[in-house]
Amino acid sequence: MPLIPEEPQIHESAQGPRVAPASGRTAPTPRPVPGPRPAAPPRPGRPGPLRPATPAQRTPRDVAAPVKPSPSGPAATAALAATPQIQLIPASAEGALDAAEEAVDLLLDSGRAPGDVLVITTGARHPWADHELSFGETSYWAQHDAGDDVFYTDATIASRAATRPVVVVAVNGGPADAAAIALPLAHSRAGALLIVCGDPQQINSVLGAGV
């Protein structure tokens, strides 16, 4: 904080006014009792030493509260990555995949890079995943590793997928425990945002269980 120069203060002479001598006799100049010296004002740009106040003069402002340092470093980064924001989009099992597609379109329109997005289905695979798997798993996972485009997978093999900033889950059917398996996995793969499309009651029951 820059220091504001103070106006110079004019102090009376410590010697006080001189008394004119009486005629024919020189009277001694009275010496006043020296009082406490006023503290010299700090020079602009160079603060003077601060004297601690006496206990009676101290106020709660004199006691500075300890400042806790903000967490930083790899541990703090990992902690933030482990707690992505969760967004729920209500949809039926039949409409969950379409809702997930719309969510992906909105993400891309808002500026997200395609390689930032991972889509996981709990039931039937996305048509893109079925098409790419028809060329073999090696080619399929090579596209995942390249990270150049949105990657579609399903809950049965999604554990192989790496972390991406955004994970979109379409709860579009599958086994009874499909959502309970897919959501914790998706949560662990989402770096910043987890979007879940499906039945709110079913999703909340899983999310409330500790996801």
C-alpha atoms as a PDB file:
ATOM      1  CA  MET A   1       0.000   0.000   0.000  1.00  0.00           C
ATOM      2  CA  PRO A   2       1.584   3.332  -1.026  1.00  0.00           C
ATOM      3  CA  LEU A   3       2.176   5.755   1.770  1.00  0.00           C
ATOM      4  CA  ILE A   4       0.393   9.140   1.594  1.00  0.00           C
ATOM      5  CA  PRO A   5       2.704  12.040   2.442  1.00  0.00           C
ATOM      6  CA  GLU A   6       1.528  13.825   5.535  1.00  0.00           C
ATOM      7  CA  GLU A   7       1.332  17.613   5.776  1.00  0.00           C
ATOM      8  CA  PRO A   8       4.183  19.054   7.784  1.00  0.00           C
ATOM      9  CA  GLN A   9       3.166  19.828  11.352  1.00  0.00           C
ATOM     10  CA  ILE A  10       4.306  22.985  12.985  1.00  0.00           C
ATOM     11  CA  HIS A  11       5.308  22.557  16.654  1.00  0.00           C
ATOM     12  CA  GLU A  12       5.881  25.299  19.112  1.00  0.00           C
ATOM     13  CA  SER A  13       9.434  25.766  20.355  1.00  0.00           C
ATOM     14  CA  ALA A  14      10.262  23.514  23.243  1.00  0.00           C
ATOM     15  CA  GLN A  15      11.735  26.531  24.971  1.00  0.00           C
ATOM     16  CA  GLY A  16       8.440  28.434  25.054  1.00  0.00           C
ATOM     17  CA  PRO A  17       8.094  32.234  24.692  1.00  0.00           C
ATOM     18  CA  ARG A  18      10.865  34.371  26.137  1.00  0.00           C
ATOM     19  CA  VAL A  19       9.901  36.785  28.925  1.00  0.00           C
ATOM     20  CA  ALA A  20      11.193  40.312  28.540  1.00  0.00           C
ATOM     21  CA  PRO A  21      13.613  41.194  31.366  1.00  0.00           C
ATOM     22  CA  ALA A  22      12.523  43.727  34.001  1.00  0.00           C
ATOM     23  CA  SER A  23      14.222  47.137  33.908  1.00  0.00           C
ATOM     24  CA  GLY A  24      17.506  47.253  35.730  1.00  0.00           C
ATOM     25  CA  ARG A  25      17.615  43.533  36.283  1.00  0.00           C
ATOM     26  CA  THR A  26      18.047  40.578  34.053  1.00  0.00           C
ATOM     27  CA  ALA A  27      15.596  37.847  34.909  1.00  0.00           C
ATOM     28  CA  PRO A  28      16.589  34.255  34.153  1.00  0.00           C
ATOM     29  CA  THR A  29      14.732  32.663  31.334  1.00  0.00           C
ATOM     30  CA  PRO A  30      12.217  30.198  32.840  1.00  0.00           C
ATOM     31  CA  ARG A  31      12.865  26.607  31.759  1.00  0.00           C
ATOM     32  CA  PRO A  32       9.667  24.738  31.123  1.00  0.00           C
ATOM     33  CA  VAL A  33       9.346  21.179  32.312  1.00  0.00           C
ATOM     34  CA  PRO A  34      10.193  19.048  29.292  1.00  0.00           C
ATOM     35  CA  GLY A  35       7.234  17.004  28.159  1.00  0.00           C
ATOM     36  CA  PRO A  36       7.060  13.900  25.960  1.00  0.00           C
ATOM     37  CA  ARG A  37       8.357  14.451  22.473  1.00  0.00           C
ATOM     38  CA  PRO A  38       5.804  14.052  19.751  1.00  0.00           C
ATOM     39  CA  ALA A  39       6.610  11.247  17.349  1.00  0.00           C
ATOM     40  CA  ALA A  40       8.124  12.516  14.153  1.00  0.00           C
ATOM     41  CA  PRO A  41       5.862  12.045  11.155  1.00  0.00           C
ATOM     42  CA  PRO A  42       7.090   9.369   8.737  1.00  0.00           C
ATOM     43  CA  ARG A  43       8.804  10.571   5.611  1.00  0.00           C
ATOM     44  CA  PRO A  44       7.042   9.975   2.322  1.00  0.00           C
ATOM     45  CA  GLY A  45       8.132   6.642   0.907  1.00  0.00           C
ATOM     46  CA  ARG A  46      10.080   5.747   4.015  1.00  0.00           C
ATOM     47  CA  PRO A  47       7.911   4.813   7.011  1.00  0.00           C
ATOM     48  CA  GLY A  48       9.368   5.495  10.418  1.00  0.00           C
ATOM     49  CA  PRO A  49       9.580   2.915  13.193  1.00  0.00           C
ATOM     50  CA  LEU A  50       6.293   2.006  14.809  1.00  0.00           C
ATOM     51  CA  ARG A  51       6.140   1.889  18.565  1.00  0.00           C
ATOM     52  CA  PRO A  52       3.943  -0.810  20.075  1.00  0.00           C
ATOM     53  CA  ALA A  53       0.919   0.549  21.896  1.00  0.00           C
ATOM     54  CA  THR A  54       0.544   0.020  25.597  1.00  0.00           C
ATOM     55  CA  PRO A  55      -1.863  -2.747  26.671  1.00  0.00           C
ATOM     56  CA  ALA A  56      -4.504  -0.164  27.619  1.00  0.00           C
ATOM     57  CA  GLN A  57      -4.389   1.419  24.175  1.00  0.00           C
ATOM     58  CA  ARG A  58      -4.550  -1.763  22.150  1.00  0.00           C
ATOM     59  CA  THR A  59      -7.729  -2.622  20.328  1.00  0.00           C
ATOM     60  CA  PRO A  60      -8.776  -5.878  18.655  1.00  0.00           C
ATOM     61  CA  ARG A  61      -7.379  -4.478  15.383  1.00  0.00           C
ATOM     62  CA  ASP A  62      -3.876  -4.567  16.832  1.00  0.00           C
ATOM     63  CA  VAL A  63      -4.033  -8.360  16.970  1.00  0.00           C
ATOM     64  CA  ALA A  64      -3.746  -9.756  13.460  1.00  0.00           C
ATOM     65  CA  ALA A  65      -5.498 -13.052  12.873  1.00  0.00           C
ATOM     66  CA  PRO A  66      -3.224 -15.759  11.486  1.00  0.00           C
ATOM     67  CA  VAL A  67      -3.615 -16.179   7.742  1.00  0.00           C
ATOM     68  CA  LYS A  68      -4.042 -19.732   6.596  1.00  0.00           C
ATOM     69  CA  PRO A  69      -2.211 -20.386   3.344  1.00  0.00           C
ATOM     70  CA  SER A  70      -4.357 -21.510   0.432  1.00  0.00           C
ATOM     71  CA  PRO A  71      -3.772 -25.096  -0.588  1.00  0.00           C
ATOM     72  CA  SER A  72      -1.580 -25.406  -3.633  1.00  0.00           C
ATOM     73  CA  GLY A  73       0.546 -27.915  -5.444  1.00  0.00           C
ATOM     74  CA  PRO A  74      -0.188 -31.366  -6.838  1.00  0.00           C
ATOM     75  CA  ALA A  75      -2.200 -32.455  -3.783  1.00  0.00           C
ATOM     76  CA  ALA A  76      -4.586 -29.498  -4.097  1.00  0.00           C
ATOM     77  CA  THR A  77      -4.909 -30.051  -7.853  1.00  0.00           C
ATOM     78  CA  ALA A  78      -5.778 -33.700  -7.290  1.00  0.00           C
ATOM     79  CA  ALA A  79      -8.357 -32.730  -4.668  1.00  0.00           C
ATOM     80  CA  LEU A  80     -10.037 -30.318  -7.065  1.00  0.00           C
ATOM     81  CA  ALA A  81      -9.998 -32.887  -9.844  1.00  0.00           C
ATOM     82  CA  ALA A  82     -11.679 -35.416  -7.534  1.00  0.00           C
ATOM     83  CA  THR A  83     -14.690 -33.148  -6.960  1.00  0.00           C
ATOM     84  CA  PRO A  84     -16.181 -32.213 -10.342  1.00  0.00           C
ATOM     85  CA  GLN A  85     -19.352 -30.197 -10.638  1.00  0.00           C
ATOM     86  CA  ILE A  86     -22.383 -32.441 -11.209  1.00  0.00           C
ATOM     87  CA  GLN A  87     -25.259 -31.495 -13.503  1.00  0.00           C
ATOM     88  CA  LEU A  88     -28.430 -33.582 -13.841  1.00  0.00           C
ATOM     89  CA  ILE A  89     -30.552 -33.549 -17.003  1.00  0.00           C
ATOM     90  CA  PRO A  90     -33.890 -35.370 -16.478  1.00  0.00           C
ATOM     91  CA  ALA A  91     -34.663 -37.865 -19.233  1.00  0.00           C
ATOM     92  CA  SER A  92     -36.303 -41.222 -19.713  1.00  0.00           C
ATOM     93  CA  ALA A  93     -34.221 -44.292 -20.453  1.00  0.00           C
ATOM     94  CA  GLU A  94     -35.352 -44.039 -24.083  1.00  0.00           C
ATOM     95  CA  GLY A  95     -34.456 -40.335 -24.334  1.00  0.00           C
ATOM     96  CA  ALA A  96     -31.249 -40.321 -22.284  1.00  0.00           C
ATOM     97  CA  LEU A  97     -28.950 -40.810 -25.280  1.00  0.00           C
ATOM     98  CA  ASP A  98     -30.606 -37.965 -27.187  1.00  0.00           C
ATOM     99  CA  ALA A  99     -30.282 -35.737 -24.099  1.00  0.00           C
ATOM    100  CA  ALA A 100     -26.592 -36.635 -23.884  1.00  0.00           C
ATOM    101  CA  GLU A 101     -26.120 -35.730 -27.565  1.00  0.00           C
ATOM    102  CA  GLU A 102     -27.754 -32.351 -26.969  1.00  0.00           C
ATOM    103  CA  ALA A 103     -25.496 -31.779 -23.960  1.00  0.00           C
ATOM    104  CA  VAL A 104     -22.431 -32.544 -26.086  1.00  0.00           C
ATOM    105  CA  ASP A 105     -23.615 -30.124 -28.790  1.00  0.00           C
ATOM    106  CA  LEU A 106     -24.030 -27.379 -26.181  1.00  0.00           C
ATOM    107  CA  LEU A 107     -20.564 -28.063 -24.783  1.00  0.00           C
ATOM    108  CA  LEU A 108     -18.975 -27.802 -28.223  1.00  0.00           C
ATOM    109  CA  ASP A 109     -20.972 -24.665 -29.056  1.00  0.00           C
ATOM    110  CA  SER A 110     -19.777 -23.056 -25.821  1.00  0.00           C
ATOM    111  CA  GLY A 111     -16.141 -23.581 -26.818  1.00  0.00           C
ATOM    112  CA  ARG A 112     -15.231 -26.958 -25.356  1.00  0.00           C
ATOM    113  CA  ALA A 113     -12.760 -28.891 -27.483  1.00  0.00           C
ATOM    114  CA  PRO A 114     -14.128 -32.236 -28.736  1.00  0.00           C
ATOM    115  CA  GLY A 115     -11.219 -34.037 -27.092  1.00  0.00           C
ATOM    116  CA  ASP A 116     -12.367 -32.713 -23.694  1.00  0.00           C
ATOM    117  CA  VAL A 117     -15.536 -34.820 -23.715  1.00  0.00           C
ATOM    118  CA  LEU A 118     -16.130 -38.469 -22.819  1.00  0.00           C
ATOM    119  CA  VAL A 119     -19.609 -40.012 -23.201  1.00  0.00           C
ATOM    120  CA  ILE A 120     -20.570 -43.175 -21.309  1.00  0.00           C
ATOM    121  CA  THR A 121     -23.778 -45.156 -21.845  1.00  0.00           C
ATOM    122  CA  THR A 122     -25.251 -47.643 -19.378  1.00  0.00           C
ATOM    123  CA  GLY A 123     -27.309 -49.541 -21.935  1.00  0.00           C
ATOM    124  CA  ALA A 124     -27.002 -49.730 -25.714  1.00  0.00           C
ATOM    125  CA  ARG A 125     -23.807 -48.257 -27.112  1.00  0.00           C
ATOM    126  CA  HIS A 126     -23.771 -45.035 -29.061  1.00  0.00           C
ATOM    127  CA  PRO A 127     -23.853 -45.772 -32.832  1.00  0.00           C
ATOM    128  CA  TRP A 128     -20.385 -44.215 -33.219  1.00  0.00           C
ATOM    129  CA  ALA A 129     -18.920 -46.664 -30.683  1.00  0.00           C
ATOM    130  CA  ASP A 130     -20.567 -49.609 -32.443  1.00  0.00           C
ATOM    131  CA  HIS A 131     -19.179 -48.428 -35.772  1.00  0.00           C
ATOM    132  CA  GLU A 132     -15.625 -47.920 -34.534  1.00  0.00           C
ATOM    133  CA  LEU A 133     -15.550 -51.200 -32.624  1.00  0.00           C
ATOM    134  CA  SER A 134     -16.399 -52.967 -35.866  1.00  0.00           C
ATOM    135  CA  PHE A 135     -12.816 -52.148 -36.972  1.00  0.00           C
ATOM    136  CA  GLY A 136     -11.369 -53.763 -33.861  1.00  0.00           C
ATOM    137  CA  GLU A 137     -10.575 -52.671 -30.323  1.00  0.00           C
ATOM    138  CA  THR A 138      -7.036 -51.614 -31.240  1.00  0.00           C
ATOM    139  CA  SER A 139      -8.272 -48.986 -33.687  1.00  0.00           C
ATOM    140  CA  TYR A 140     -11.087 -47.993 -31.300  1.00  0.00           C
ATOM    141  CA  TRP A 141      -8.814 -47.305 -28.319  1.00  0.00           C
ATOM    142  CA  ALA A 142      -6.209 -45.654 -30.531  1.00  0.00           C
ATOM    143  CA  GLN A 143      -8.768 -42.942 -31.251  1.00  0.00           C
ATOM    144  CA  HIS A 144      -9.356 -42.606 -27.517  1.00  0.00           C
ATOM    145  CA  ASP A 145      -5.634 -42.205 -26.877  1.00  0.00           C
ATOM    146  CA  ALA A 146      -5.309 -39.605 -29.629  1.00  0.00           C
ATOM    147  CA  GLY A 147      -7.836 -37.403 -27.792  1.00  0.00           C
ATOM    148  CA  ASP A 148      -8.826 -35.503 -30.931  1.00  0.00           C
ATOM    149  CA  ASP A 149     -12.584 -36.034 -30.774  1.00  0.00           C
ATOM    150  CA  VAL A 150     -15.521 -36.828 -28.500  1.00  0.00           C
ATOM    151  CA  PHE A 151     -15.119 -40.410 -27.374  1.00  0.00           C
ATOM    152  CA  TYR A 152     -18.136 -42.685 -26.873  1.00  0.00           C
ATOM    153  CA  THR A 153     -17.979 -45.843 -24.785  1.00  0.00           C
ATOM    154  CA  ASP A 154     -20.215 -47.917 -22.510  1.00  0.00           C
ATOM    155  CA  ALA A 155     -20.114 -48.830 -18.837  1.00  0.00           C
ATOM    156  CA  THR A 156     -18.835 -52.354 -19.460  1.00  0.00           C
ATOM    157  CA  ILE A 157     -15.515 -51.145 -20.909  1.00  0.00           C
ATOM    158  CA  ALA A 158     -15.343 -47.511 -19.711  1.00  0.00           C
ATOM    159  CA  SER A 159     -12.867 -48.352 -16.948  1.00  0.00           C
ATOM    160  CA  ARG A 160     -10.149 -48.271 -19.611  1.00  0.00           C
ATOM    161  CA  ALA A 161     -10.979 -44.655 -20.494  1.00  0.00           C
ATOM    162  CA  ALA A 162      -8.696 -41.918 -19.187  1.00  0.00           C
ATOM    163  CA  THR A 163      -9.763 -38.762 -17.331  1.00  0.00           C
ATOM    164  CA  ARG A 164     -11.246 -35.957 -19.417  1.00  0.00           C
ATOM    165  CA  PRO A 165     -12.441 -32.514 -18.319  1.00  0.00           C
ATOM    166  CA  VAL A 166     -16.112 -33.355 -19.034  1.00  0.00           C
ATOM    167  CA  VAL A 167     -17.876 -36.699 -18.770  1.00  0.00           C
ATOM    168  CA  VAL A 168     -21.458 -37.144 -19.981  1.00  0.00           C
ATOM    169  CA  VAL A 169     -23.405 -40.208 -18.830  1.00  0.00           C
ATOM    170  CA  ALA A 170     -26.536 -41.435 -20.598  1.00  0.00           C
ATOM    171  CA  VAL A 171     -28.490 -43.702 -18.237  1.00  0.00           C
ATOM    172  CA  ASN A 172     -30.243 -45.427 -21.130  1.00  0.00           C
ATOM    173  CA  GLY A 173     -31.115 -48.770 -19.604  1.00  0.00           C
ATOM    174  CA  GLY A 174     -28.906 -51.791 -19.166  1.00  0.00           C
ATOM    175  CA  PRO A 175     -28.723 -54.088 -16.119  1.00  0.00           C
ATOM    176  CA  ALA A 176     -30.386 -53.030 -12.873  1.00  0.00           C
ATOM    177  CA  ASP A 177     -27.070 -52.041 -11.330  1.00  0.00           C
ATOM    178  CA  ALA A 178     -25.762 -50.305 -14.483  1.00  0.00           C
ATOM    179  CA  ALA A 179     -26.182 -46.783 -13.088  1.00  0.00           C
ATOM    180  CA  ALA A 180     -24.650 -47.764  -9.751  1.00  0.00           C
ATOM    181  CA  ILE A 181     -21.562 -49.007 -11.639  1.00  0.00           C
ATOM    182  CA  ALA A 182     -21.339 -46.271 -14.295  1.00  0.00           C
ATOM    183  CA  LEU A 183     -21.794 -43.171 -12.126  1.00  0.00           C
ATOM    184  CA  PRO A 184     -18.912 -43.754  -9.673  1.00  0.00           C
ATOM    185  CA  LEU A 185     -16.691 -44.620 -12.632  1.00  0.00           C
ATOM    186  CA  ALA A 186     -17.771 -41.502 -14.534  1.00  0.00           C
ATOM    187  CA  HIS A 187     -17.244 -39.374 -11.422  1.00  0.00           C
ATOM    188  CA  SER A 188     -13.666 -40.619 -11.141  1.00  0.00           C
ATOM    189  CA  ARG A 189     -13.002 -39.795 -14.815  1.00  0.00           C
ATOM    190  CA  ALA A 190     -14.491 -36.273 -14.799  1.00  0.00           C
ATOM    191  CA  GLY A 191     -11.915 -33.561 -14.269  1.00  0.00           C
ATOM    192  CA  ALA A 192     -14.265 -30.560 -14.046  1.00  0.00           C
ATOM    193  CA  LEU A 193     -17.849 -31.425 -14.971  1.00  0.00           C
ATOM    194  CA  LEU A 194     -20.048 -34.526 -14.795  1.00  0.00           C
ATOM    195  CA  ILE A 195     -23.346 -34.394 -16.708  1.00  0.00           C
ATOM    196  CA  VAL A 196     -25.827 -37.207 -16.069  1.00  0.00           C
ATOM    197  CA  CYS A 197     -28.873 -37.717 -18.310  1.00  0.00           C
ATOM    198  CA  GLY A 198     -31.573 -40.024 -16.983  1.00  0.00           C
ATOM    199  CA  ASP A 199     -34.202 -40.611 -14.331  1.00  0.00           C
ATOM    200  CA  PRO A 200     -33.594 -38.114 -11.475  1.00  0.00           C
ATOM    201  CA  GLN A 201     -34.804 -40.459  -8.742  1.00  0.00           C
ATOM    202  CA  GLN A 202     -32.520 -43.261  -9.888  1.00  0.00           C
ATOM    203  CA  ILE A 203     -29.553 -40.931 -10.327  1.00  0.00           C
ATOM    204  CA  ASN A 204     -30.044 -39.205  -6.968  1.00  0.00           C
ATOM    205  CA  SER A 205     -30.202 -42.533  -5.179  1.00  0.00           C
ATOM    206  CA  VAL A 206     -26.750 -43.349  -6.555  1.00  0.00           C
ATOM    207  CA  LEU A 207     -25.275 -39.874  -6.094  1.00  0.00           C
ATOM    208  CA  GLY A 208     -26.609 -39.706  -2.543  1.00  0.00           C
ATOM    209  CA  ALA A 209     -24.879 -42.993  -1.733  1.00  0.00           C
ATOM    210  CA  GLY A 210     -21.475 -41.334  -1.815  1.00  0.00           C
ATOM    211  CA  VAL A 211     -20.586 -40.604  -5.435  1.00  0.00           C
END
